[in-house]
Amino acid sequence: MTRIILSTGNVILGGPSIRKPGTYRSNLEFTNSLRSNFLAAQRDYAAAVQNGNGHTNGHSSRPAPEVWTEKEGSTLYVPRIDWASAGLQEDRAQYEITVKLFFLPTAPAEKRIDYINEALRLVTKELGVRDIDLLIVSFPGIFFEGDCEYEADRKNATMGSDEEEVATWGLLENLHEQGVISRLGIAEFGTDKLRRFLERVKVRPAVDQINIKNCCNVPPPLMKLAQEKGIELLTHHDSTDVLPSGTLRELLGQGPQGAGVLADGDANGSGLKGEIFPEWVVKYTAFVKDRGVIENKGYFASAESAEEA
C-alpha cells in the first residue's frame, strides 16, 4: 500500500489564468492547479534529464516520477515539496487562516482521525504556523438540490450519516479544546440536519457553509435557526465531488495531461499499479487582515494506492 500526497503549492502565485472564468466548479481550480504544479516540478528537473542525469518514462518531455516526486517510507509526495520555502511573510497574528477539509466517499469513516491529523500537519507545516482560525468540515453525500429551497432543505434532512458526522465532530472538538483550531464549521447542513446535530455536539459550529447553485435561495427555516443559535451562514461554490476516482487517475496516469505516476493498467509499464482510492482534500487560505489580501492559498489531497502483487 502506498499513500499518495498531492499538492498545488500556492495557487495565488500561479495567476488568474488557473481558474477558468464563469465557472462555479472550484474543483477546476484544484485540478488545474495540480496539473500546473506537476508541470512546474517536471520542468525544474528537465535540465538534469537532458544532461543525462535523470530518467524518462517513455515521454521525451516528461521526467520519470522518481526524478520529481519523493518517497518517504510508504508515502509518495507528488510533486516533492520544498519545505525550506514554507511559511508566511508576516507575524501569525496578522493572518486569518481558514481550512476546509473534504472527506471523500471512497474513504472509510473510521480512518478520519488519521486524515484530520495528516491534513493539519501538512497545512501547518506549509504555512509555518501551529494553529488555524477556522476549520470547516465537508462530509460526503450531503448537498442542496431541488426545484426550490424548501424541497432542497427537505431532501437534505435525510442525507449523510448523523452517527459518523457526530463522531467525527468529536475528534475536531478535541483539537478545538487543545487550541489547535479556534472555530469549527460545517458545510451543507440544512434545517433538520443542523437541528439534530446541535442536540448531540458539545461545541456548536460557528459557520454553516452551503452551496445553493442547484437550488434557489437559502431556506428561510435554516436562516431562522442559524440566527437563533448564533451560527453564521455562508454560501460557497465548492464542488461536492471535488476529487472523483476517475479524475485522480487522469491526473496521475500516462495520458497526455497525466503526470505518469500510475501505470494505467499496463502490467509492463512504469508507475504504480492497481486501484487508487481518493481519501480527502484540504483547502487552505491565509488572509492578511489589515491589507485585505490573500497571501497564500492552496490544496493538499491524499489517496491510497492498493498495488497489485
C-alpha atoms as a PDB file:
ATOM      1  CA  MET A   1       0.000   0.000   0.000  1.00  0.00           C
ATOM      2  CA  THR A   2       1.265   3.458  -0.943  1.00  0.00           C
ATOM      3  CA  ARG A   3      -0.199   6.709   0.325  1.00  0.00           C
ATOM      4  CA  ILE A   4      -0.038   9.493  -2.248  1.00  0.00           C
ATOM      5  CA  ILE A   5       0.049  13.138  -1.136  1.00  0.00           C
ATOM      6  CA  LEU A   6      -0.725  15.639  -3.884  1.00  0.00           C
ATOM      7  CA  SER A   7      -0.102  19.356  -3.516  1.00  0.00           C
ATOM      8  CA  THR A   8      -0.723  22.510  -5.551  1.00  0.00           C
ATOM      9  CA  GLY A   9       1.663  24.889  -3.846  1.00  0.00           C
ATOM     10  CA  ASN A  10       0.489  28.486  -3.531  1.00  0.00           C
ATOM     11  CA  VAL A  11      -2.099  28.968  -6.295  1.00  0.00           C
ATOM     12  CA  ILE A  12      -2.003  32.740  -5.821  1.00  0.00           C
ATOM     13  CA  LEU A  13       1.453  32.711  -7.421  1.00  0.00           C
ATOM     14  CA  GLY A  14       0.016  30.969 -10.471  1.00  0.00           C
ATOM     15  CA  GLY A  15      -2.026  33.996 -11.504  1.00  0.00           C
ATOM     16  CA  PRO A  16      -5.687  34.324 -12.504  1.00  0.00           C
ATOM     17  CA  SER A  17      -5.409  32.044 -15.535  1.00  0.00           C
ATOM     18  CA  ILE A  18      -5.554  28.914 -13.348  1.00  0.00           C
ATOM     19  CA  ARG A  19      -9.273  29.263 -12.746  1.00  0.00           C
ATOM     20  CA  LYS A  20     -11.489  29.427 -15.791  1.00  0.00           C
ATOM     21  CA  PRO A  21     -13.804  32.476 -15.756  1.00  0.00           C
ATOM     22  CA  GLY A  22     -17.519  31.985 -15.472  1.00  0.00           C
ATOM     23  CA  THR A  23     -17.394  28.601 -13.751  1.00  0.00           C
ATOM     24  CA  TYR A  24     -18.747  27.624 -10.342  1.00  0.00           C
ATOM     25  CA  ARG A  25     -16.789  24.389 -10.002  1.00  0.00           C
ATOM     26  CA  SER A  26     -13.967  25.023  -7.580  1.00  0.00           C
ATOM     27  CA  ASN A  27     -12.549  21.593  -8.382  1.00  0.00           C
ATOM     28  CA  LEU A  28     -11.383  23.095 -11.688  1.00  0.00           C
ATOM     29  CA  GLU A  29      -9.145  25.446  -9.734  1.00  0.00           C
ATOM     30  CA  PHE A  30      -7.949  22.466  -7.703  1.00  0.00           C
ATOM     31  CA  THR A  31      -7.277  20.089 -10.610  1.00  0.00           C
ATOM     32  CA  ASN A  32      -5.780  22.748 -12.873  1.00  0.00           C
ATOM     33  CA  SER A  33      -3.519  23.897 -10.046  1.00  0.00           C
ATOM     34  CA  LEU A  34      -2.347  20.325  -9.504  1.00  0.00           C
ATOM     35  CA  ARG A  35      -1.504  19.980 -13.195  1.00  0.00           C
ATOM     36  CA  SER A  36       0.357  23.291 -13.128  1.00  0.00           C
ATOM     37  CA  ASN A  37       2.369  22.238 -10.098  1.00  0.00           C
ATOM     38  CA  PHE A  38       3.202  18.857 -11.643  1.00  0.00           C
ATOM     39  CA  LEU A  39       4.415  20.547 -14.836  1.00  0.00           C
ATOM     40  CA  ALA A  40       6.464  23.091 -12.887  1.00  0.00           C
ATOM     41  CA  ALA A  41       8.186  20.319 -10.917  1.00  0.00           C
ATOM     42  CA  GLN A  42       8.870  18.332 -14.084  1.00  0.00           C
ATOM     43  CA  ARG A  43      10.229  21.437 -15.799  1.00  0.00           C
ATOM     44  CA  ASP A  44      12.585  22.144 -12.881  1.00  0.00           C
ATOM     45  CA  TYR A  45      14.200  18.745 -13.376  1.00  0.00           C
ATOM     46  CA  ALA A  46      14.154  18.779 -17.204  1.00  0.00           C
ATOM     47  CA  ALA A  47      17.704  20.126 -17.422  1.00  0.00           C
ATOM     48  CA  ALA A  48      19.034  17.207 -15.393  1.00  0.00           C
ATOM     49  CA  VAL A  49      17.212  14.782 -17.668  1.00  0.00           C
ATOM     50  CA  GLN A  50      18.619  16.445 -20.803  1.00  0.00           C
ATOM     51  CA  ASN A  51      22.123  16.269 -19.339  1.00  0.00           C
ATOM     52  CA  GLY A  52      21.768  12.541 -18.854  1.00  0.00           C
ATOM     53  CA  ASN A  53      21.461  12.692 -15.093  1.00  0.00           C
ATOM     54  CA  GLY A  54      17.786  11.826 -14.964  1.00  0.00           C
ATOM     55  CA  HIS A  55      15.396   9.268 -16.377  1.00  0.00           C
ATOM     56  CA  THR A  56      12.468   9.437 -18.744  1.00  0.00           C
ATOM     57  CA  ASN A  57       9.368   7.258 -18.715  1.00  0.00           C
ATOM     58  CA  GLY A  58       8.692   6.979 -22.425  1.00  0.00           C
ATOM     59  CA  HIS A  59       7.649  10.613 -22.892  1.00  0.00           C
ATOM     60  CA  SER A  60      10.643  12.612 -24.065  1.00  0.00           C
ATOM     61  CA  SER A  61       9.358  15.796 -22.448  1.00  0.00           C
ATOM     62  CA  ARG A  62       8.405  14.237 -19.112  1.00  0.00           C
ATOM     63  CA  PRO A  63      10.908  13.104 -16.461  1.00  0.00           C
ATOM     64  CA  ALA A  64      10.261   9.811 -14.728  1.00  0.00           C
ATOM     65  CA  PRO A  65       8.292  10.129 -11.473  1.00  0.00           C
ATOM     66  CA  GLU A  66      11.273   9.297  -9.263  1.00  0.00           C
ATOM     67  CA  VAL A  67      13.000  12.438 -10.546  1.00  0.00           C
ATOM     68  CA  TRP A  68      10.369  14.988  -9.457  1.00  0.00           C
ATOM     69  CA  THR A  69       8.412  13.122  -6.753  1.00  0.00           C
ATOM     70  CA  GLU A  70       9.675  11.982  -3.364  1.00  0.00           C
ATOM     71  CA  LYS A  71       9.130   8.751  -1.444  1.00  0.00           C
ATOM     72  CA  GLU A  72       9.271   8.795   2.366  1.00  0.00           C
ATOM     73  CA  GLY A  73       8.524   5.355   3.758  1.00  0.00           C
ATOM     74  CA  SER A  74       5.183   4.309   2.295  1.00  0.00           C
ATOM     75  CA  THR A  75       4.208   7.884   1.355  1.00  0.00           C
ATOM     76  CA  LEU A  76       4.762   9.317  -2.123  1.00  0.00           C
ATOM     77  CA  TYR A  77       4.735  13.122  -2.461  1.00  0.00           C
ATOM     78  CA  VAL A  78       3.527  14.295  -5.876  1.00  0.00           C
ATOM     79  CA  PRO A  79       5.354  16.521  -6.531  1.00  0.00           C
ATOM     80  CA  ARG A  80       8.186  16.647  -3.959  1.00  0.00           C
ATOM     81  CA  ILE A  81       7.738  19.576  -1.577  1.00  0.00           C
ATOM     82  CA  ASP A  82      10.388  22.183  -0.825  1.00  0.00           C
ATOM     83  CA  TRP A  83       9.638  22.752   2.842  1.00  0.00           C
ATOM     84  CA  ALA A  84      12.539  25.204   3.092  1.00  0.00           C
ATOM     85  CA  SER A  85      10.428  27.799   1.289  1.00  0.00           C
ATOM     86  CA  ALA A  86       7.372  27.232   3.508  1.00  0.00           C
ATOM     87  CA  GLY A  87       5.973  29.859   5.849  1.00  0.00           C
ATOM     88  CA  LEU A  88       4.197  33.208   5.809  1.00  0.00           C
ATOM     89  CA  GLN A  89       5.789  36.617   5.331  1.00  0.00           C
ATOM     90  CA  GLU A  90       4.397  38.362   8.414  1.00  0.00           C
ATOM     91  CA  ASP A  91       3.667  37.540  12.063  1.00  0.00           C
ATOM     92  CA  ARG A  92       0.983  34.915  12.676  1.00  0.00           C
ATOM     93  CA  ALA A  93      -1.299  37.497  14.339  1.00  0.00           C
ATOM     94  CA  GLN A  94      -1.641  39.332  11.005  1.00  0.00           C
ATOM     95  CA  TYR A  95      -3.475  36.406   9.369  1.00  0.00           C
ATOM     96  CA  GLU A  96      -6.889  34.801   9.309  1.00  0.00           C
ATOM     97  CA  ILE A  97      -6.214  31.172   8.385  1.00  0.00           C
ATOM     98  CA  THR A  98      -9.157  29.140   7.114  1.00  0.00           C
ATOM     99  CA  VAL A  99      -9.103  25.443   6.260  1.00  0.00           C
ATOM    100  CA  LYS A 100     -11.786  23.343   4.596  1.00  0.00           C
ATOM    101  CA  LEU A 101     -11.426  19.583   4.868  1.00  0.00           C
ATOM    102  CA  PHE A 102     -13.369  17.405   2.416  1.00  0.00           C
ATOM    103  CA  PHE A 103     -13.884  13.767   3.414  1.00  0.00           C
ATOM    104  CA  LEU A 104     -14.369  11.792   0.212  1.00  0.00           C
ATOM    105  CA  PRO A 105     -16.930   8.996  -0.288  1.00  0.00           C
ATOM    106  CA  THR A 106     -14.270   6.423  -1.233  1.00  0.00           C
ATOM    107  CA  ALA A 107     -12.576   6.637   2.191  1.00  0.00           C
ATOM    108  CA  PRO A 108     -13.692   4.806   5.369  1.00  0.00           C
ATOM    109  CA  ALA A 109     -15.061   6.976   8.184  1.00  0.00           C
ATOM    110  CA  GLU A 110     -13.104   5.066  10.845  1.00  0.00           C
ATOM    111  CA  LYS A 111      -9.842   6.478   9.469  1.00  0.00           C
ATOM    112  CA  ARG A 112     -10.877  10.119   9.776  1.00  0.00           C
ATOM    113  CA  ILE A 113      -8.706  10.803  12.818  1.00  0.00           C
ATOM    114  CA  ASP A 114      -5.677   9.930  10.669  1.00  0.00           C
ATOM    115  CA  TYR A 115      -6.968  12.090   7.823  1.00  0.00           C
ATOM    116  CA  ILE A 116      -7.526  15.068  10.131  1.00  0.00           C
ATOM    117  CA  ASN A 117      -4.087  14.806  11.712  1.00  0.00           C
ATOM    118  CA  GLU A 118      -2.305  14.421   8.363  1.00  0.00           C
ATOM    119  CA  ALA A 119      -4.195  17.275   6.685  1.00  0.00           C
ATOM    120  CA  LEU A 120      -3.466  19.635   9.583  1.00  0.00           C
ATOM    121  CA  ARG A 121       0.176  18.539   9.719  1.00  0.00           C
ATOM    122  CA  LEU A 122       0.657  19.412   6.066  1.00  0.00           C
ATOM    123  CA  VAL A 123      -1.181  22.741   6.212  1.00  0.00           C
ATOM    124  CA  THR A 124       0.517  23.995   9.373  1.00  0.00           C
ATOM    125  CA  LYS A 125       3.926  22.935   8.032  1.00  0.00           C
ATOM    126  CA  GLU A 126       3.268  24.657   4.711  1.00  0.00           C
ATOM    127  CA  LEU A 127       2.199  27.902   6.391  1.00  0.00           C
ATOM    128  CA  GLY A 128       4.682  27.679   9.262  1.00  0.00           C
ATOM    129  CA  VAL A 129       2.004  28.003  11.972  1.00  0.00           C
ATOM    130  CA  ARG A 130       0.806  25.969  14.943  1.00  0.00           C
ATOM    131  CA  ASP A 131      -2.904  26.742  14.836  1.00  0.00           C
ATOM    132  CA  ILE A 132      -5.701  27.747  12.483  1.00  0.00           C
ATOM    133  CA  ASP A 133      -8.599  30.139  12.944  1.00  0.00           C
ATOM    134  CA  LEU A 134     -11.429  28.238  11.265  1.00  0.00           C
ATOM    135  CA  LEU A 135     -11.810  24.664  10.071  1.00  0.00           C
ATOM    136  CA  ILE A 136     -14.878  23.797   8.002  1.00  0.00           C
ATOM    137  CA  VAL A 137     -15.581  20.111   7.542  1.00  0.00           C
ATOM    138  CA  SER A 138     -17.370  18.797   4.455  1.00  0.00           C
ATOM    139  CA  PHE A 139     -18.922  15.340   4.782  1.00  0.00           C
ATOM    140  CA  PRO A 140     -19.664  13.122   1.744  1.00  0.00           C
ATOM    141  CA  GLY A 141     -23.142  12.697   0.339  1.00  0.00           C
ATOM    142  CA  ILE A 142     -24.610  15.988   1.600  1.00  0.00           C
ATOM    143  CA  PHE A 143     -25.771  18.800  -0.682  1.00  0.00           C
ATOM    144  CA  PHE A 144     -28.646  21.113  -1.566  1.00  0.00           C
ATOM    145  CA  GLU A 145     -30.587  20.182  -4.680  1.00  0.00           C
ATOM    146  CA  GLY A 146     -34.202  20.738  -5.624  1.00  0.00           C
ATOM    147  CA  ASP A 147     -36.687  22.832  -7.563  1.00  0.00           C
ATOM    148  CA  CYS A 148     -36.901  25.295  -4.682  1.00  0.00           C
ATOM    149  CA  GLU A 149     -35.171  25.972  -1.371  1.00  0.00           C
ATOM    150  CA  TYR A 150     -37.866  24.170   0.629  1.00  0.00           C
ATOM    151  CA  GLU A 151     -37.570  20.982  -1.419  1.00  0.00           C
ATOM    152  CA  ALA A 152     -33.766  21.122  -1.214  1.00  0.00           C
ATOM    153  CA  ASP A 153     -33.946  21.599   2.561  1.00  0.00           C
ATOM    154  CA  ARG A 154     -36.338  18.643   2.897  1.00  0.00           C
ATOM    155  CA  LYS A 155     -34.125  16.323   0.834  1.00  0.00           C
ATOM    156  CA  ASN A 156     -31.039  17.424   2.760  1.00  0.00           C
ATOM    157  CA  ALA A 157     -32.548  16.160   6.030  1.00  0.00           C
ATOM    158  CA  THR A 158     -32.009  12.505   5.066  1.00  0.00           C
ATOM    159  CA  MET A 159     -28.524  12.830   3.549  1.00  0.00           C
ATOM    160  CA  GLY A 160     -25.239  11.695   5.036  1.00  0.00           C
ATOM    161  CA  SER A 161     -24.814   9.783   8.278  1.00  0.00           C
ATOM    162  CA  ASP A 162     -25.638  11.515  11.559  1.00  0.00           C
ATOM    163  CA  GLU A 163     -23.653   8.965  13.567  1.00  0.00           C
ATOM    164  CA  GLU A 164     -20.467   9.318  11.503  1.00  0.00           C
ATOM    165  CA  GLU A 165     -20.728  13.105  11.421  1.00  0.00           C
ATOM    166  CA  VAL A 166     -21.185  13.440  15.188  1.00  0.00           C
ATOM    167  CA  ALA A 167     -18.322  11.010  15.849  1.00  0.00           C
ATOM    168  CA  THR A 168     -16.021  12.942  13.512  1.00  0.00           C
ATOM    169  CA  TRP A 169     -17.052  16.235  15.084  1.00  0.00           C
ATOM    170  CA  GLY A 170     -15.947  14.892  18.451  1.00  0.00           C
ATOM    171  CA  LEU A 171     -12.431  14.463  17.048  1.00  0.00           C
ATOM    172  CA  LEU A 172     -12.438  18.086  15.932  1.00  0.00           C
ATOM    173  CA  GLU A 173     -13.806  19.228  19.300  1.00  0.00           C
ATOM    174  CA  ASN A 174     -10.725  17.724  20.948  1.00  0.00           C
ATOM    175  CA  LEU A 175      -8.465  19.808  18.689  1.00  0.00           C
ATOM    176  CA  HIS A 176     -10.566  22.880  19.473  1.00  0.00           C
ATOM    177  CA  GLU A 177     -10.104  22.277  23.188  1.00  0.00           C
ATOM    178  CA  GLN A 178      -6.343  21.902  22.661  1.00  0.00           C
ATOM    179  CA  GLY A 179      -6.209  25.297  20.946  1.00  0.00           C
ATOM    180  CA  VAL A 180      -5.222  23.908  17.537  1.00  0.00           C
ATOM    181  CA  ILE A 181      -8.481  25.127  15.935  1.00  0.00           C
ATOM    182  CA  SER A 182     -10.150  28.326  17.169  1.00  0.00           C
ATOM    183  CA  ARG A 183     -13.519  27.869  15.437  1.00  0.00           C
ATOM    184  CA  LEU A 184     -15.256  24.928  13.803  1.00  0.00           C
ATOM    185  CA  GLY A 185     -17.669  24.938  10.888  1.00  0.00           C
ATOM    186  CA  ILE A 186     -19.772  22.567   8.819  1.00  0.00           C
ATOM    187  CA  ALA A 187     -20.930  22.504   5.220  1.00  0.00           C
ATOM    188  CA  GLU A 188     -24.267  21.678   3.575  1.00  0.00           C
ATOM    189  CA  PHE A 189     -26.310  21.220   6.768  1.00  0.00           C
ATOM    190  CA  GLY A 190     -29.976  22.072   6.227  1.00  0.00           C
ATOM    191  CA  THR A 191     -32.530  22.937   8.890  1.00  0.00           C
ATOM    192  CA  ASP A 192     -33.450  19.480  10.221  1.00  0.00           C
ATOM    193  CA  LYS A 193     -29.946  18.099   9.881  1.00  0.00           C
ATOM    194  CA  LEU A 194     -28.446  21.077  11.701  1.00  0.00           C
ATOM    195  CA  ARG A 195     -31.043  20.906  14.472  1.00  0.00           C
ATOM    196  CA  ARG A 196     -30.320  17.217  15.129  1.00  0.00           C
ATOM    197  CA  PHE A 197     -26.596  17.901  15.021  1.00  0.00           C
ATOM    198  CA  LEU A 198     -26.783  20.710  17.580  1.00  0.00           C
ATOM    199  CA  GLU A 199     -28.577  18.434  20.027  1.00  0.00           C
ATOM    200  CA  ARG A 200     -25.642  15.993  20.078  1.00  0.00           C
ATOM    201  CA  VAL A 201     -22.446  18.077  19.987  1.00  0.00           C
ATOM    202  CA  LYS A 202     -20.571  19.968  22.701  1.00  0.00           C
ATOM    203  CA  VAL A 203     -19.005  22.682  20.546  1.00  0.00           C
ATOM    204  CA  ARG A 204     -21.535  24.497  18.407  1.00  0.00           C
ATOM    205  CA  PRO A 205     -20.407  25.186  14.808  1.00  0.00           C
ATOM    206  CA  ALA A 206     -19.578  28.834  14.231  1.00  0.00           C
ATOM    207  CA  VAL A 207     -20.287  28.552  10.500  1.00  0.00           C
ATOM    208  CA  ASP A 208     -22.614  26.592   8.225  1.00  0.00           C
ATOM    209  CA  GLN A 209     -21.436  26.867   4.628  1.00  0.00           C
ATOM    210  CA  ILE A 210     -23.958  25.942   1.932  1.00  0.00           C
ATOM    211  CA  ASN A 211     -23.904  25.716  -1.850  1.00  0.00           C
ATOM    212  CA  ILE A 212     -27.231  26.693  -3.378  1.00  0.00           C
ATOM    213  CA  LYS A 213     -26.254  26.538  -7.062  1.00  0.00           C
ATOM    214  CA  ASN A 214     -28.612  23.548  -7.617  1.00  0.00           C
ATOM    215  CA  CYS A 215     -31.471  25.130  -5.722  1.00  0.00           C
ATOM    216  CA  CYS A 216     -32.675  28.716  -5.337  1.00  0.00           C
ATOM    217  CA  ASN A 217     -32.102  30.686  -2.144  1.00  0.00           C
ATOM    218  CA  VAL A 218     -31.072  29.980   1.424  1.00  0.00           C
ATOM    219  CA  PRO A 219     -34.080  28.215   3.043  1.00  0.00           C
ATOM    220  CA  PRO A 220     -35.852  30.645   5.441  1.00  0.00           C
ATOM    221  CA  PRO A 221     -36.173  27.999   8.218  1.00  0.00           C
ATOM    222  CA  LEU A 222     -32.407  27.488   8.076  1.00  0.00           C
ATOM    223  CA  MET A 223     -31.817  31.239   8.259  1.00  0.00           C
ATOM    224  CA  LYS A 224     -34.051  31.446  11.332  1.00  0.00           C
ATOM    225  CA  LEU A 225     -32.371  28.505  13.101  1.00  0.00           C
ATOM    226  CA  ALA A 226     -28.899  29.828  12.381  1.00  0.00           C
ATOM    227  CA  GLN A 227     -29.822  33.256  13.707  1.00  0.00           C
ATOM    228  CA  GLU A 228     -31.270  31.761  16.890  1.00  0.00           C
ATOM    229  CA  LYS A 229     -28.142  29.680  17.516  1.00  0.00           C
ATOM    230  CA  GLY A 230     -25.614  32.357  16.553  1.00  0.00           C
ATOM    231  CA  ILE A 231     -24.328  30.411  13.528  1.00  0.00           C
ATOM    232  CA  GLU A 232     -23.013  32.332  10.542  1.00  0.00           C
ATOM    233  CA  LEU A 233     -24.480  31.176   7.221  1.00  0.00           C
ATOM    234  CA  LEU A 234     -22.090  31.428   4.271  1.00  0.00           C
ATOM    235  CA  THR A 235     -22.617  30.441   0.643  1.00  0.00           C
ATOM    236  CA  HIS A 236     -19.816  28.875  -1.394  1.00  0.00           C
ATOM    237  CA  HIS A 237     -19.038  27.408  -4.819  1.00  0.00           C
ATOM    238  CA  ASP A 238     -17.031  24.330  -3.868  1.00  0.00           C
ATOM    239  CA  SER A 239     -17.799  21.192  -5.810  1.00  0.00           C
ATOM    240  CA  THR A 240     -19.493  18.452  -3.802  1.00  0.00           C
ATOM    241  CA  ASP A 241     -17.420  15.907  -5.739  1.00  0.00           C
ATOM    242  CA  VAL A 242     -14.035  17.580  -5.531  1.00  0.00           C
ATOM    243  CA  LEU A 243     -11.826  14.589  -6.456  1.00  0.00           C
ATOM    244  CA  PRO A 244     -13.571  11.635  -8.143  1.00  0.00           C
ATOM    245  CA  SER A 245     -11.513   8.490  -8.690  1.00  0.00           C
ATOM    246  CA  GLY A 246     -11.610   8.946 -12.470  1.00  0.00           C
ATOM    247  CA  THR A 247     -10.274  12.489 -12.225  1.00  0.00           C
ATOM    248  CA  LEU A 248      -7.463  11.365  -9.927  1.00  0.00           C
ATOM    249  CA  ARG A 249      -6.472   8.561 -12.292  1.00  0.00           C
ATOM    250  CA  GLU A 250      -6.460  11.002 -15.228  1.00  0.00           C
ATOM    251  CA  LEU A 251      -4.266  13.436 -13.260  1.00  0.00           C
ATOM    252  CA  LEU A 252      -1.715  10.783 -12.352  1.00  0.00           C
ATOM    253  CA  GLY A 253      -1.960   8.500 -15.388  1.00  0.00           C
ATOM    254  CA  GLN A 254       0.055   8.097 -18.576  1.00  0.00           C
ATOM    255  CA  GLY A 255      -2.179  10.212 -20.795  1.00  0.00           C
ATOM    256  CA  PRO A 256      -1.105  13.475 -22.462  1.00  0.00           C
ATOM    257  CA  GLN A 257      -2.322  15.501 -19.453  1.00  0.00           C
ATOM    258  CA  GLY A 258      -1.268  12.926 -16.880  1.00  0.00           C
ATOM    259  CA  ALA A 259       1.729  13.009 -14.568  1.00  0.00           C
ATOM    260  CA  GLY A 260       2.934   9.496 -15.450  1.00  0.00           C
ATOM    261  CA  VAL A 261       2.799   8.287 -11.837  1.00  0.00           C
ATOM    262  CA  LEU A 262       0.313   5.449 -12.476  1.00  0.00           C
ATOM    263  CA  ALA A 263       0.857   2.517 -14.812  1.00  0.00           C
ATOM    264  CA  ASP A 264      -2.686   2.764 -16.233  1.00  0.00           C
ATOM    265  CA  GLY A 265      -3.269  -0.992 -16.248  1.00  0.00           C
ATOM    266  CA  ASP A 266      -0.196  -1.856 -18.273  1.00  0.00           C
ATOM    267  CA  ALA A 267       1.421  -4.719 -16.382  1.00  0.00           C
ATOM    268  CA  ASN A 268       4.774  -3.999 -18.031  1.00  0.00           C
ATOM    269  CA  GLY A 269       4.531  -0.214 -17.760  1.00  0.00           C
ATOM    270  CA  SER A 270       6.228   2.036 -15.249  1.00  0.00           C
ATOM    271  CA  GLY A 271       4.401   3.581 -12.311  1.00  0.00           C
ATOM    272  CA  LEU A 272       2.097   2.423  -9.545  1.00  0.00           C
ATOM    273  CA  LYS A 273      -0.178  -0.462 -10.460  1.00  0.00           C
ATOM    274  CA  GLY A 274      -3.599  -1.334  -9.095  1.00  0.00           C
ATOM    275  CA  GLU A 275      -6.596   0.574  -7.752  1.00  0.00           C
ATOM    276  CA  ILE A 276      -6.356   4.076  -6.340  1.00  0.00           C
ATOM    277  CA  PHE A 277      -8.789   5.497  -3.779  1.00  0.00           C
ATOM    278  CA  PRO A 278      -9.102   9.240  -3.028  1.00  0.00           C
ATOM    279  CA  GLU A 279      -9.343   9.859   0.739  1.00  0.00           C
ATOM    280  CA  TRP A 280      -9.516  13.574   1.454  1.00  0.00           C
ATOM    281  CA  VAL A 281      -8.827  17.053   0.088  1.00  0.00           C
ATOM    282  CA  VAL A 282      -7.936  20.091   2.172  1.00  0.00           C
ATOM    283  CA  LYS A 283      -8.108  23.704   1.001  1.00  0.00           C
ATOM    284  CA  TYR A 284      -6.278  26.366   2.998  1.00  0.00           C
ATOM    285  CA  THR A 285      -6.260  30.159   2.819  1.00  0.00           C
ATOM    286  CA  ALA A 286      -4.070  32.680   4.634  1.00  0.00           C
ATOM    287  CA  PHE A 287      -5.736  36.091   4.567  1.00  0.00           C
ATOM    288  CA  VAL A 288      -3.777  39.203   5.609  1.00  0.00           C
ATOM    289  CA  LYS A 289      -6.287  41.038   7.783  1.00  0.00           C
ATOM    290  CA  ASP A 290      -5.010  44.611   7.683  1.00  0.00           C
ATOM    291  CA  ARG A 291      -4.320  44.577   3.924  1.00  0.00           C
ATOM    292  CA  GLY A 292      -7.387  42.622   2.861  1.00  0.00           C
ATOM    293  CA  VAL A 293      -5.491  40.270   0.547  1.00  0.00           C
ATOM    294  CA  ILE A 294      -4.904  36.524   0.307  1.00  0.00           C
ATOM    295  CA  GLU A 295      -1.191  35.777   0.581  1.00  0.00           C
ATOM    296  CA  ASN A 296      -1.306  32.010   0.371  1.00  0.00           C
ATOM    297  CA  LYS A 297      -3.953  29.626  -0.902  1.00  0.00           C
ATOM    298  CA  GLY A 298      -3.546  26.018  -1.877  1.00  0.00           C
ATOM    299  CA  TYR A 299      -4.627  22.411  -1.648  1.00  0.00           C
ATOM    300  CA  PHE A 300      -3.356  19.081  -0.421  1.00  0.00           C
ATOM    301  CA  ALA A 301      -5.020  15.766  -1.211  1.00  0.00           C
ATOM    302  CA  SER A 302      -4.465  12.179  -0.152  1.00  0.00           C
ATOM    303  CA  ALA A 303      -5.137   8.889  -1.899  1.00  0.00           C
ATOM    304  CA  GLU A 304      -4.330   5.265  -1.200  1.00  0.00           C
ATOM    305  CA  SER A 305      -2.901   3.020  -3.878  1.00  0.00           C
ATOM    306  CA  ALA A 306      -3.576  -0.680  -3.345  1.00  0.00           C
ATOM    307  CA  GLU A 307      -0.784  -2.036  -5.504  1.00  0.00           C
ATOM    308  CA  GLU A 308      -1.279  -5.312  -7.279  1.00  0.00           C
ATOM    309  CA  ALA A 309       1.045  -8.185  -6.409  1.00  0.00           C
END
